[in-house]
């Protein structure tokens, strides 16, 4: 079906996505150690943004998944600007527990149950989806939600088990400036490999 597409000699080009459609904005494929994965342009063509990471390998053991935002081109590292809450399901103990912090320097997307950390043994990896809304608004805090999946290194009794986490948070604590960048990184060490895709969602 090509009703709303544009034809040209080399083939058919899909038309631009309408309101509510997630559009791929940028991609980064990491194959060598990289400290941070930065997306420094959040176009005003989009209201909300989603960052998806897959096949992510840490070069250090026992780490967490972190995200920071940028304002006016500078990533915010203040220890009081972020709020995070994450709940994780531990398949070994067949239970769920949570972690939260209302004054921190980043969003934490992992480790709800037993404060579990991510391992980097052979075959271990992690993935996540992080969504943040209303990034260009200058009157509201910026609200985010996420989900992640990883193989644990700690606690030791579960160091071969997988944990799934879901969470939410806000950037603000009194600040309502527009957000214009996203940074993914581990709590320590580098990103050894992974694929990262940024999507934007328009409402017009």
N, C-alpha and C. Protein backbone atom coordinates (compact mmCIF):
# COMPACT_ATOMS: atom_id res chain seq x y z
N UNK A 1 0.86 -1.19 0.00
CA UNK A 1 0.00 0.00 0.00
C UNK A 1 0.89 1.22 0.00
N UNK A 2 0.72 2.08 -1.03
CA UNK A 2 1.60 3.23 -1.18
C UNK A 2 0.82 4.53 -1.28
N UNK A 3 -0.40 4.54 -0.77
CA UNK A 3 -1.28 5.68 -0.97
C UNK A 3 -0.73 7.00 -0.50
N UNK A 4 0.01 7.02 0.60
CA UNK A 4 0.50 8.28 1.15
C UNK A 4 2.01 8.36 1.05
N UNK A 5 2.56 7.77 0.00
CA UNK A 5 4.00 7.77 -0.19
C UNK A 5 4.38 8.59 -1.43
N UNK A 6 5.65 8.88 -1.56
CA UNK A 6 6.17 9.66 -2.68
C UNK A 6 6.99 8.74 -3.57
N UNK A 7 6.70 8.74 -4.87
CA UNK A 7 7.43 7.88 -5.80
C UNK A 7 8.60 8.63 -6.41
N UNK A 8 9.69 7.92 -6.66
CA UNK A 8 10.80 8.47 -7.44
C UNK A 8 11.44 7.32 -8.20
N UNK A 9 12.38 7.64 -9.06
CA UNK A 9 12.93 6.62 -9.96
C UNK A 9 13.53 5.44 -9.22
N UNK A 10 14.16 5.69 -8.06
CA UNK A 10 14.86 4.62 -7.35
C UNK A 10 13.95 3.83 -6.43
N UNK A 11 12.70 4.22 -6.31
CA UNK A 11 11.81 3.46 -5.45
C UNK A 11 10.73 4.32 -4.84
N UNK A 12 10.16 3.87 -3.73
CA UNK A 12 9.08 4.56 -3.04
C UNK A 12 9.54 5.00 -1.67
N UNK A 13 9.29 6.25 -1.33
CA UNK A 13 9.72 6.82 -0.05
C UNK A 13 8.49 7.01 0.82
N UNK A 14 8.54 6.49 2.04
CA UNK A 14 7.41 6.66 2.96
C UNK A 14 7.25 8.13 3.31
N UNK A 15 6.02 8.55 3.49
CA UNK A 15 5.76 9.93 3.89
C UNK A 15 6.17 10.16 5.33
N UNK A 16 6.34 11.41 5.73
CA UNK A 16 6.73 11.75 7.09
C UNK A 16 5.67 11.28 8.07
N UNK A 17 6.10 10.84 9.26
CA UNK A 17 5.16 10.37 10.26
C UNK A 17 4.29 11.49 10.78
N UNK A 18 3.06 11.16 11.12
CA UNK A 18 2.14 12.15 11.65
C UNK A 18 2.23 12.24 13.16
N UNK A 19 1.29 12.96 13.73
CA UNK A 19 1.28 13.16 15.17
C UNK A 19 1.22 11.83 15.91
N UNK A 20 1.99 11.71 16.96
CA UNK A 20 1.99 10.50 17.78
C UNK A 20 2.93 9.43 17.30
N UNK A 21 3.55 9.60 16.13
CA UNK A 21 4.44 8.60 15.57
C UNK A 21 5.87 8.82 16.08
N UNK A 22 6.51 7.73 16.55
CA UNK A 22 7.91 7.82 16.94
C UNK A 22 8.79 7.76 15.69
N UNK A 23 9.68 8.74 15.54
CA UNK A 23 10.56 8.84 14.38
C UNK A 23 12.00 8.71 14.83
N UNK A 24 12.78 7.87 14.11
CA UNK A 24 14.20 7.72 14.47
C UNK A 24 14.94 9.01 14.17
N UNK A 25 15.67 9.50 15.17
CA UNK A 25 16.39 10.77 15.06
C UNK A 25 17.89 10.55 14.89
N UNK A 26 18.46 9.63 15.66
CA UNK A 26 19.91 9.42 15.62
C UNK A 26 20.25 8.04 16.15
N UNK A 27 21.39 7.50 15.70
CA UNK A 27 21.86 6.18 16.12
C UNK A 27 23.34 6.24 16.45
N UNK A 28 23.73 5.52 17.50
CA UNK A 28 25.15 5.34 17.80
C UNK A 28 25.42 3.86 18.03
N UNK A 29 26.38 3.31 17.29
CA UNK A 29 26.83 1.93 17.48
C UNK A 29 28.20 1.97 18.13
N UNK A 30 28.29 1.41 19.32
CA UNK A 30 29.53 1.45 20.10
C UNK A 30 30.25 0.11 19.97
N UNK A 31 31.50 0.14 19.53
CA UNK A 31 32.29 -1.09 19.39
C UNK A 31 33.61 -1.03 20.16
N UNK A 32 33.97 0.15 20.67
CA UNK A 32 35.15 0.30 21.51
C UNK A 32 34.77 1.08 22.76
N UNK A 33 35.56 0.96 23.80
CA UNK A 33 35.23 1.57 25.07
C UNK A 33 34.94 3.07 24.94
N UNK A 34 33.77 3.47 25.44
CA UNK A 34 33.30 4.85 25.36
C UNK A 34 32.71 5.24 26.70
N UNK A 35 33.15 6.35 27.26
CA UNK A 35 32.74 6.74 28.61
C UNK A 35 31.26 7.09 28.68
N UNK A 36 30.78 7.90 27.72
CA UNK A 36 29.39 8.34 27.73
C UNK A 36 28.82 8.30 26.32
N UNK A 37 27.54 8.02 26.23
CA UNK A 37 26.82 8.04 24.96
C UNK A 37 25.95 9.28 24.97
N UNK A 38 26.33 10.29 24.20
CA UNK A 38 25.68 11.60 24.26
C UNK A 38 24.86 11.87 23.00
N UNK A 39 23.64 12.36 23.23
CA UNK A 39 22.80 12.89 22.15
C UNK A 39 22.56 14.35 22.51
N UNK A 40 23.16 15.24 21.75
CA UNK A 40 23.22 16.64 22.17
C UNK A 40 22.28 17.56 21.40
N UNK A 41 21.43 16.98 20.57
CA UNK A 41 20.43 17.79 19.85
C UNK A 41 19.07 17.13 20.00
N UNK A 42 18.17 17.79 20.72
CA UNK A 42 16.79 17.34 20.83
C UNK A 42 15.93 18.34 20.06
N UNK A 43 15.63 18.01 18.83
CA UNK A 43 14.97 18.93 17.92
C UNK A 43 13.61 19.39 18.45
N UNK A 44 13.31 20.67 18.21
CA UNK A 44 12.00 21.21 18.59
C UNK A 44 10.88 20.67 17.70
N UNK A 45 11.23 19.87 16.70
CA UNK A 45 10.20 19.20 15.91
C UNK A 45 9.46 18.15 16.73
N UNK A 46 10.05 17.76 17.86
CA UNK A 46 9.48 16.68 18.68
C UNK A 46 9.24 17.16 20.10
N UNK A 47 8.19 16.62 20.70
CA UNK A 47 7.80 16.98 22.07
C UNK A 47 8.45 16.04 23.09
N UNK A 48 8.41 14.74 22.79
CA UNK A 48 8.92 13.70 23.69
C UNK A 48 10.03 12.93 22.98
N UNK A 49 10.92 12.33 23.78
CA UNK A 49 12.02 11.55 23.22
C UNK A 49 12.13 10.21 23.92
N UNK A 50 12.52 9.19 23.15
CA UNK A 50 12.75 7.85 23.68
C UNK A 50 14.14 7.41 23.26
N UNK A 51 14.93 6.96 24.23
CA UNK A 51 16.25 6.41 23.97
C UNK A 51 16.21 4.90 24.24
N UNK A 52 16.57 4.11 23.24
CA UNK A 52 16.58 2.66 23.37
C UNK A 52 18.02 2.16 23.24
N UNK A 53 18.45 1.36 24.20
CA UNK A 53 19.77 0.75 24.17
C UNK A 53 19.65 -0.76 24.18
N UNK A 54 20.43 -1.44 23.34
CA UNK A 54 20.39 -2.91 23.31
C UNK A 54 21.79 -3.47 23.09
N UNK A 55 21.97 -4.70 23.51
CA UNK A 55 23.28 -5.34 23.36
C UNK A 55 24.37 -4.59 24.08
N UNK A 56 24.06 -4.04 25.26
CA UNK A 56 25.00 -3.15 25.95
C UNK A 56 25.89 -3.96 26.88
N UNK A 57 27.17 -3.83 26.68
CA UNK A 57 28.17 -4.53 27.49
C UNK A 57 29.00 -3.52 28.25
N UNK A 58 29.18 -3.74 29.56
CA UNK A 58 30.02 -2.88 30.39
C UNK A 58 31.44 -3.42 30.43
N UNK A 59 32.42 -2.51 30.51
CA UNK A 59 33.80 -2.98 30.64
C UNK A 59 34.17 -3.21 32.09
N UNK A 60 33.30 -2.78 33.03
CA UNK A 60 33.52 -2.99 34.45
C UNK A 60 32.41 -3.86 35.02
N UNK A 61 32.69 -4.52 36.12
CA UNK A 61 31.71 -5.37 36.77
C UNK A 61 30.94 -4.58 37.82
N UNK A 62 29.74 -5.04 38.13
CA UNK A 62 28.92 -4.46 39.21
C UNK A 62 28.62 -2.98 38.97
N UNK A 63 27.86 -2.70 37.93
CA UNK A 63 27.54 -1.31 37.57
C UNK A 63 26.03 -1.13 37.48
N UNK A 64 25.62 0.15 37.39
CA UNK A 64 24.22 0.52 37.18
C UNK A 64 24.08 1.30 35.88
N UNK A 65 22.84 1.35 35.36
CA UNK A 65 22.50 2.11 34.16
C UNK A 65 22.06 3.51 34.56
N UNK A 66 22.73 4.55 34.05
CA UNK A 66 22.42 5.93 34.41
C UNK A 66 22.08 6.76 33.16
N UNK A 67 21.24 7.78 33.36
CA UNK A 67 20.94 8.78 32.33
C UNK A 67 20.98 10.16 32.96
N UNK A 68 21.58 11.11 32.24
CA UNK A 68 21.55 12.52 32.63
C UNK A 68 20.94 13.35 31.51
N UNK A 69 20.47 14.55 31.87
CA UNK A 69 19.94 15.48 30.87
C UNK A 69 20.88 16.68 30.76
N UNK A 70 20.77 17.37 29.62
CA UNK A 70 21.53 18.60 29.41
C UNK A 70 20.58 19.78 29.31
N UNK A 71 21.01 20.91 29.84
CA UNK A 71 20.29 22.18 29.73
C UNK A 71 21.26 23.20 29.16
N UNK A 72 20.84 23.89 28.10
CA UNK A 72 21.68 24.88 27.42
C UNK A 72 23.05 24.29 27.08
N UNK A 73 23.07 23.02 26.66
CA UNK A 73 24.29 22.39 26.20
C UNK A 73 25.19 21.80 27.27
N UNK A 74 24.80 21.91 28.55
CA UNK A 74 25.63 21.38 29.63
C UNK A 74 24.88 20.30 30.38
N UNK A 75 25.50 19.14 30.57
CA UNK A 75 24.87 18.06 31.30
C UNK A 75 24.81 18.38 32.79
N UNK A 76 23.64 18.15 33.38
CA UNK A 76 23.38 18.54 34.76
C UNK A 76 23.88 17.46 35.71
N UNK A 77 24.82 17.82 36.57
CA UNK A 77 25.45 16.88 37.48
C UNK A 77 25.15 17.18 38.94
N UNK A 78 24.28 18.15 39.19
CA UNK A 78 23.94 18.51 40.57
C UNK A 78 23.35 17.32 41.30
N UNK A 79 23.69 17.20 42.57
CA UNK A 79 23.21 16.09 43.39
C UNK A 79 21.81 16.27 43.93
N UNK A 80 21.08 17.29 43.49
CA UNK A 80 19.74 17.53 44.04
C UNK A 80 18.68 17.67 42.97
N UNK A 81 19.01 17.51 41.70
CA UNK A 81 18.08 17.85 40.63
C UNK A 81 17.24 16.69 40.10
N UNK A 82 17.62 15.45 40.42
CA UNK A 82 16.92 14.29 39.85
C UNK A 82 16.21 13.49 40.95
N UNK A 83 15.07 12.92 40.59
CA UNK A 83 14.38 11.97 41.45
C UNK A 83 14.19 10.67 40.66
N UNK A 84 14.45 9.55 41.30
CA UNK A 84 14.33 8.24 40.64
C UNK A 84 13.69 7.23 41.56
N UNK A 85 12.86 6.37 40.97
CA UNK A 85 12.32 5.22 41.68
C UNK A 85 12.30 4.04 40.73
N UNK A 86 12.89 2.90 41.14
CA UNK A 86 12.97 1.72 40.28
C UNK A 86 12.58 0.48 41.07
N UNK A 87 11.71 -0.33 40.48
CA UNK A 87 11.35 -1.61 41.07
C UNK A 87 11.86 -2.74 40.21
N UNK A 88 12.42 -3.79 40.83
CA UNK A 88 12.99 -4.90 40.06
C UNK A 88 12.45 -6.23 40.52
N UNK A 89 12.32 -7.15 39.56
CA UNK A 89 11.86 -8.50 39.86
C UNK A 89 13.05 -9.44 39.84
N UNK A 90 13.25 -10.14 40.97
CA UNK A 90 14.34 -11.10 41.12
C UNK A 90 13.79 -12.50 40.83
N UNK A 91 14.26 -13.13 39.73
CA UNK A 91 13.69 -14.42 39.37
C UNK A 91 14.12 -15.53 40.32
N UNK A 92 15.26 -15.36 41.01
CA UNK A 92 15.72 -16.40 41.94
C UNK A 92 14.86 -16.41 43.20
N UNK A 93 14.56 -15.22 43.74
CA UNK A 93 13.76 -15.13 44.96
C UNK A 93 12.27 -14.97 44.68
N UNK A 94 11.93 -14.89 43.39
CA UNK A 94 10.53 -14.77 42.98
C UNK A 94 9.84 -13.64 43.74
N UNK A 95 10.46 -12.47 43.69
CA UNK A 95 9.90 -11.34 44.41
C UNK A 95 10.32 -10.02 43.79
N UNK A 96 9.63 -8.96 44.22
CA UNK A 96 9.91 -7.63 43.69
C UNK A 96 10.13 -6.67 44.85
N UNK A 97 11.08 -5.79 44.66
CA UNK A 97 11.36 -4.76 45.65
C UNK A 97 11.81 -3.51 44.91
N UNK A 98 11.90 -2.39 45.63
CA UNK A 98 12.20 -1.13 44.97
C UNK A 98 13.35 -0.37 45.60
N UNK A 99 13.79 0.62 44.84
CA UNK A 99 14.85 1.54 45.27
C UNK A 99 14.41 2.93 44.84
N UNK A 100 14.70 3.94 45.66
CA UNK A 100 14.34 5.29 45.29
C UNK A 100 15.24 6.33 45.93
N UNK A 101 15.32 7.50 45.29
CA UNK A 101 16.13 8.61 45.80
C UNK A 101 15.53 9.91 45.27
N UNK A 102 15.22 10.84 46.16
CA UNK A 102 14.58 12.08 45.70
C UNK A 102 15.54 13.24 45.51
N UNK A 103 16.83 13.04 45.76
CA UNK A 103 17.83 14.08 45.51
C UNK A 103 19.10 13.42 45.00
N UNK A 104 19.26 13.39 43.68
CA UNK A 104 20.45 12.74 43.16
C UNK A 104 20.95 13.47 41.92
N UNK A 105 22.03 12.93 41.33
CA UNK A 105 22.68 13.61 40.21
C UNK A 105 22.43 12.93 38.87
N UNK A 106 21.48 11.98 38.82
CA UNK A 106 21.16 11.27 37.58
C UNK A 106 19.95 10.38 37.81
N UNK A 107 19.35 9.92 36.71
CA UNK A 107 18.34 8.87 36.78
C UNK A 107 19.05 7.52 36.85
N UNK A 108 18.55 6.63 37.69
CA UNK A 108 19.11 5.28 37.76
C UNK A 108 18.06 4.29 37.28
N UNK A 109 18.37 3.55 36.22
CA UNK A 109 17.39 2.70 35.57
C UNK A 109 17.46 1.24 35.97
N UNK A 110 18.31 0.89 36.92
CA UNK A 110 18.51 -0.53 37.25
C UNK A 110 18.44 -0.73 38.76
N UNK A 111 18.36 -1.99 39.13
CA UNK A 111 18.53 -2.41 40.52
C UNK A 111 17.39 -2.03 41.43
N UNK A 112 16.29 -2.70 41.28
CA UNK A 112 15.21 -2.54 42.24
C UNK A 112 15.33 -3.53 43.37
N UNK A 113 15.58 -4.81 43.05
CA UNK A 113 15.58 -5.87 44.06
C UNK A 113 17.00 -6.14 44.54
N UNK A 114 17.18 -6.12 45.86
CA UNK A 114 18.48 -6.42 46.48
C UNK A 114 19.61 -5.50 46.01
N UNK A 115 19.24 -4.31 45.49
CA UNK A 115 20.25 -3.37 45.00
C UNK A 115 21.20 -4.05 44.01
N UNK A 116 20.64 -4.91 43.16
CA UNK A 116 21.44 -5.73 42.25
C UNK A 116 22.27 -4.88 41.30
N UNK A 117 23.44 -5.38 40.94
CA UNK A 117 24.29 -4.70 39.96
C UNK A 117 24.45 -5.57 38.71
N UNK A 118 24.89 -4.93 37.63
CA UNK A 118 25.00 -5.58 36.33
C UNK A 118 26.39 -6.19 36.18
N UNK A 119 26.44 -7.43 35.68
CA UNK A 119 27.71 -8.10 35.50
C UNK A 119 28.25 -7.93 34.09
N UNK A 120 29.54 -8.27 33.92
CA UNK A 120 30.14 -8.20 32.58
C UNK A 120 30.85 -9.50 32.22
N UNK A 121 30.41 -10.61 32.80
CA UNK A 121 30.96 -11.91 32.42
C UNK A 121 30.58 -12.23 30.98
N UNK A 122 31.19 -13.26 30.43
CA UNK A 122 30.92 -13.66 29.05
C UNK A 122 29.42 -13.89 28.83
N UNK A 123 28.90 -13.23 27.83
CA UNK A 123 27.49 -13.38 27.50
C UNK A 123 26.56 -12.41 28.22
N UNK A 124 27.00 -11.80 29.30
CA UNK A 124 26.16 -10.87 30.05
C UNK A 124 26.00 -9.56 29.26
N UNK A 125 24.81 -8.98 29.37
CA UNK A 125 24.56 -7.70 28.71
C UNK A 125 23.35 -7.05 29.38
N UNK A 126 22.91 -5.92 28.83
CA UNK A 126 21.72 -5.23 29.34
C UNK A 126 21.04 -4.52 28.20
N UNK A 127 19.78 -4.14 28.42
CA UNK A 127 19.03 -3.34 27.47
C UNK A 127 18.10 -2.42 28.26
N UNK A 128 17.62 -1.34 27.61
CA UNK A 128 16.71 -0.43 28.30
C UNK A 128 15.92 0.38 27.30
N UNK A 129 14.82 0.96 27.77
CA UNK A 129 14.08 2.00 27.07
C UNK A 129 13.82 3.13 28.06
N UNK A 130 14.18 4.34 27.67
CA UNK A 130 14.05 5.52 28.52
C UNK A 130 13.26 6.57 27.76
N UNK A 131 12.15 7.03 28.32
CA UNK A 131 11.30 8.02 27.67
C UNK A 131 11.18 9.25 28.56
N UNK A 132 11.36 10.44 27.96
CA UNK A 132 11.23 11.69 28.70
C UNK A 132 10.29 12.61 27.93
N UNK A 133 9.41 13.29 28.64
CA UNK A 133 8.33 14.05 28.01
C UNK A 133 8.53 15.56 28.16
N UNK A 134 7.93 16.29 27.23
CA UNK A 134 7.83 17.76 27.30
C UNK A 134 9.19 18.43 27.49
N UNK A 135 10.19 17.97 26.74
CA UNK A 135 11.56 18.44 26.99
C UNK A 135 11.74 19.92 26.71
N UNK A 136 10.93 20.51 25.83
CA UNK A 136 11.11 21.92 25.47
C UNK A 136 10.25 22.87 26.30
N UNK A 137 9.40 22.32 27.14
CA UNK A 137 8.56 23.16 28.00
C UNK A 137 9.42 23.88 29.03
N UNK A 138 9.10 25.15 29.31
CA UNK A 138 9.88 25.92 30.27
C UNK A 138 9.09 26.25 31.53
N UNK A 139 7.96 25.57 31.72
CA UNK A 139 7.16 25.79 32.93
C UNK A 139 7.00 24.53 33.78
N UNK A 140 7.38 23.38 33.24
CA UNK A 140 7.18 22.10 33.92
C UNK A 140 8.49 21.41 34.23
N UNK A 141 8.49 20.62 35.31
CA UNK A 141 9.57 19.66 35.50
C UNK A 141 9.52 18.66 34.35
N UNK A 142 10.61 17.93 34.14
CA UNK A 142 10.66 16.95 33.06
C UNK A 142 10.51 15.54 33.65
N UNK A 143 9.45 14.85 33.21
CA UNK A 143 9.12 13.54 33.76
C UNK A 143 9.56 12.44 32.81
N UNK A 144 10.06 11.35 33.39
CA UNK A 144 10.60 10.24 32.60
C UNK A 144 10.14 8.92 33.18
N UNK A 145 10.12 7.92 32.32
CA UNK A 145 9.92 6.55 32.80
C UNK A 145 10.81 5.63 31.98
N UNK A 146 11.07 4.43 32.50
CA UNK A 146 12.01 3.53 31.84
C UNK A 146 11.75 2.08 32.23
N UNK A 147 12.36 1.20 31.47
CA UNK A 147 12.40 -0.22 31.82
C UNK A 147 13.74 -0.76 31.35
N UNK A 148 14.25 -1.76 32.08
CA UNK A 148 15.55 -2.32 31.75
C UNK A 148 15.57 -3.81 32.06
N UNK A 149 16.53 -4.48 31.48
CA UNK A 149 16.72 -5.92 31.71
C UNK A 149 18.22 -6.19 31.67
N UNK A 150 18.72 -6.98 32.62
CA UNK A 150 20.16 -7.22 32.69
C UNK A 150 20.44 -8.49 33.47
N UNK A 151 21.66 -9.02 33.31
CA UNK A 151 22.10 -10.15 34.10
C UNK A 151 22.94 -9.64 35.27
N UNK A 152 22.63 -10.17 36.44
CA UNK A 152 23.20 -9.63 37.67
C UNK A 152 24.61 -10.16 37.95
N UNK A 153 25.41 -9.30 38.59
CA UNK A 153 26.68 -9.72 39.19
C UNK A 153 26.53 -9.87 40.70
N UNK A 154 25.74 -8.98 41.29
CA UNK A 154 25.52 -9.01 42.73
C UNK A 154 24.03 -8.82 42.99
N UNK A 155 23.52 -9.37 44.11
CA UNK A 155 24.22 -10.14 45.14
C UNK A 155 24.75 -11.47 44.61
N UNK A 156 25.78 -11.99 45.27
CA UNK A 156 26.53 -13.14 44.76
C UNK A 156 25.64 -14.35 44.51
N UNK A 157 24.62 -14.54 45.33
CA UNK A 157 23.76 -15.71 45.18
C UNK A 157 22.96 -15.70 43.89
N UNK A 158 22.81 -14.52 43.28
CA UNK A 158 22.04 -14.39 42.04
C UNK A 158 22.91 -13.94 40.87
N UNK A 159 24.21 -14.26 40.89
CA UNK A 159 25.11 -13.66 39.91
C UNK A 159 25.02 -14.27 38.52
N UNK A 160 24.10 -15.19 38.28
CA UNK A 160 23.85 -15.65 36.91
C UNK A 160 22.40 -15.41 36.51
N UNK A 161 21.66 -14.71 37.33
CA UNK A 161 20.23 -14.51 37.09
C UNK A 161 19.95 -13.18 36.41
N UNK A 162 18.82 -13.13 35.74
CA UNK A 162 18.38 -11.92 35.05
C UNK A 162 17.37 -11.18 35.90
N UNK A 163 17.47 -9.86 35.91
CA UNK A 163 16.50 -9.03 36.61
C UNK A 163 15.88 -8.05 35.63
N UNK A 164 14.58 -7.86 35.75
CA UNK A 164 13.89 -6.83 34.98
C UNK A 164 13.47 -5.71 35.90
N UNK A 165 13.63 -4.47 35.46
CA UNK A 165 13.31 -3.31 36.29
C UNK A 165 12.41 -2.35 35.52
N UNK A 166 11.54 -1.68 36.26
CA UNK A 166 10.73 -0.60 35.71
C UNK A 166 10.86 0.58 36.65
N UNK A 167 10.81 1.80 36.10
CA UNK A 167 11.01 2.95 36.97
C UNK A 167 10.44 4.23 36.40
N UNK A 168 10.61 5.28 37.19
CA UNK A 168 10.08 6.60 36.85
C UNK A 168 10.91 7.64 37.56
N UNK A 169 10.78 8.89 37.14
CA UNK A 169 11.51 9.95 37.82
C UNK A 169 11.22 11.30 37.21
N UNK A 170 11.88 12.31 37.76
CA UNK A 170 11.73 13.67 37.24
C UNK A 170 13.05 14.41 37.34
N UNK A 171 13.23 15.35 36.44
CA UNK A 171 14.32 16.31 36.55
C UNK A 171 13.67 17.66 36.79
N UNK A 172 14.13 18.37 37.82
CA UNK A 172 13.54 19.66 38.12
C UNK A 172 14.02 20.21 39.44
N UNK A 173 13.37 19.77 40.53
CA UNK A 173 13.67 20.29 41.86
C UNK A 173 13.73 21.82 41.85
N UNK A 174 12.75 22.42 41.21
CA UNK A 174 12.68 23.87 41.15
C UNK A 174 13.10 24.44 39.82
N UNK A 175 13.81 23.64 39.00
CA UNK A 175 14.27 24.11 37.70
C UNK A 175 13.30 23.64 36.61
N UNK A 176 12.93 24.55 35.72
CA UNK A 176 11.98 24.21 34.66
C UNK A 176 12.53 24.51 33.27
N UNK A 177 13.82 24.70 33.15
CA UNK A 177 14.43 25.02 31.85
C UNK A 177 14.25 23.87 30.87
N UNK A 178 14.23 24.20 29.59
CA UNK A 178 14.12 23.19 28.54
C UNK A 178 15.35 22.27 28.57
N UNK A 179 15.13 21.01 28.25
CA UNK A 179 16.19 20.00 28.16
C UNK A 179 16.59 19.83 26.70
N UNK A 180 17.90 19.84 26.41
CA UNK A 180 18.34 19.74 25.02
C UNK A 180 19.38 18.65 24.77
N UNK A 181 19.53 17.72 25.72
CA UNK A 181 20.47 16.62 25.50
C UNK A 181 20.22 15.48 26.46
N UNK A 182 20.66 14.27 26.06
CA UNK A 182 20.58 13.07 26.89
C UNK A 182 21.92 12.37 26.88
N UNK A 183 22.32 11.86 28.03
CA UNK A 183 23.59 11.12 28.17
C UNK A 183 23.33 9.80 28.87
N UNK A 184 23.77 8.70 28.26
CA UNK A 184 23.76 7.39 28.91
C UNK A 184 25.17 7.05 29.35
N UNK A 185 25.30 6.44 30.53
CA UNK A 185 26.61 5.98 30.99
C UNK A 185 26.41 4.96 32.11
N UNK A 186 27.47 4.25 32.43
CA UNK A 186 27.45 3.33 33.56
C UNK A 186 27.95 4.04 34.82
N UNK A 187 27.60 3.48 35.97
CA UNK A 187 28.01 4.09 37.24
C UNK A 187 29.52 4.08 37.41
N UNK A 188 30.22 3.18 36.75
CA UNK A 188 31.68 3.21 36.72
C UNK A 188 32.14 2.52 35.45
N UNK A 189 33.34 2.87 34.99
CA UNK A 189 33.88 2.27 33.79
C UNK A 189 33.19 2.76 32.52
N UNK A 190 33.49 2.10 31.42
CA UNK A 190 33.03 2.51 30.09
C UNK A 190 31.94 1.59 29.55
N UNK A 191 31.29 2.08 28.51
CA UNK A 191 30.44 1.23 27.68
C UNK A 191 31.36 0.53 26.69
N UNK A 192 31.41 -0.80 26.74
CA UNK A 192 32.31 -1.55 25.86
C UNK A 192 31.69 -1.76 24.48
N UNK A 193 30.37 -1.95 24.45
CA UNK A 193 29.68 -2.11 23.18
C UNK A 193 28.19 -1.90 23.39
N UNK A 194 27.47 -1.65 22.29
CA UNK A 194 26.03 -1.48 22.37
C UNK A 194 25.50 -0.64 21.23
N UNK A 195 24.20 -0.75 21.03
CA UNK A 195 23.50 0.04 20.02
C UNK A 195 22.52 0.96 20.72
N UNK A 196 22.52 2.25 20.34
CA UNK A 196 21.68 3.26 20.97
C UNK A 196 20.94 4.03 19.89
N UNK A 197 19.62 4.07 19.99
CA UNK A 197 18.80 4.78 19.00
C UNK A 197 17.91 5.78 19.73
N UNK A 198 17.92 7.02 19.25
CA UNK A 198 17.07 8.08 19.80
C UNK A 198 15.89 8.30 18.87
N UNK A 199 14.69 8.29 19.45
CA UNK A 199 13.45 8.55 18.71
C UNK A 199 12.79 9.81 19.24
N UNK A 200 12.08 10.51 18.37
CA UNK A 200 11.30 11.68 18.77
C UNK A 200 9.84 11.49 18.41
N UNK A 201 8.95 12.10 19.20
CA UNK A 201 7.51 12.00 18.95
C UNK A 201 6.92 13.40 18.80
N UNK A 202 6.30 13.62 17.67
CA UNK A 202 5.63 14.88 17.40
C UNK A 202 4.18 14.81 17.82
N UNK A 203 3.59 15.96 18.15
CA UNK A 203 2.16 15.98 18.48
C UNK A 203 1.38 16.83 17.48
N UNK A 204 2.02 17.27 16.40
CA UNK A 204 1.34 18.06 15.38
C UNK A 204 1.51 17.40 14.02
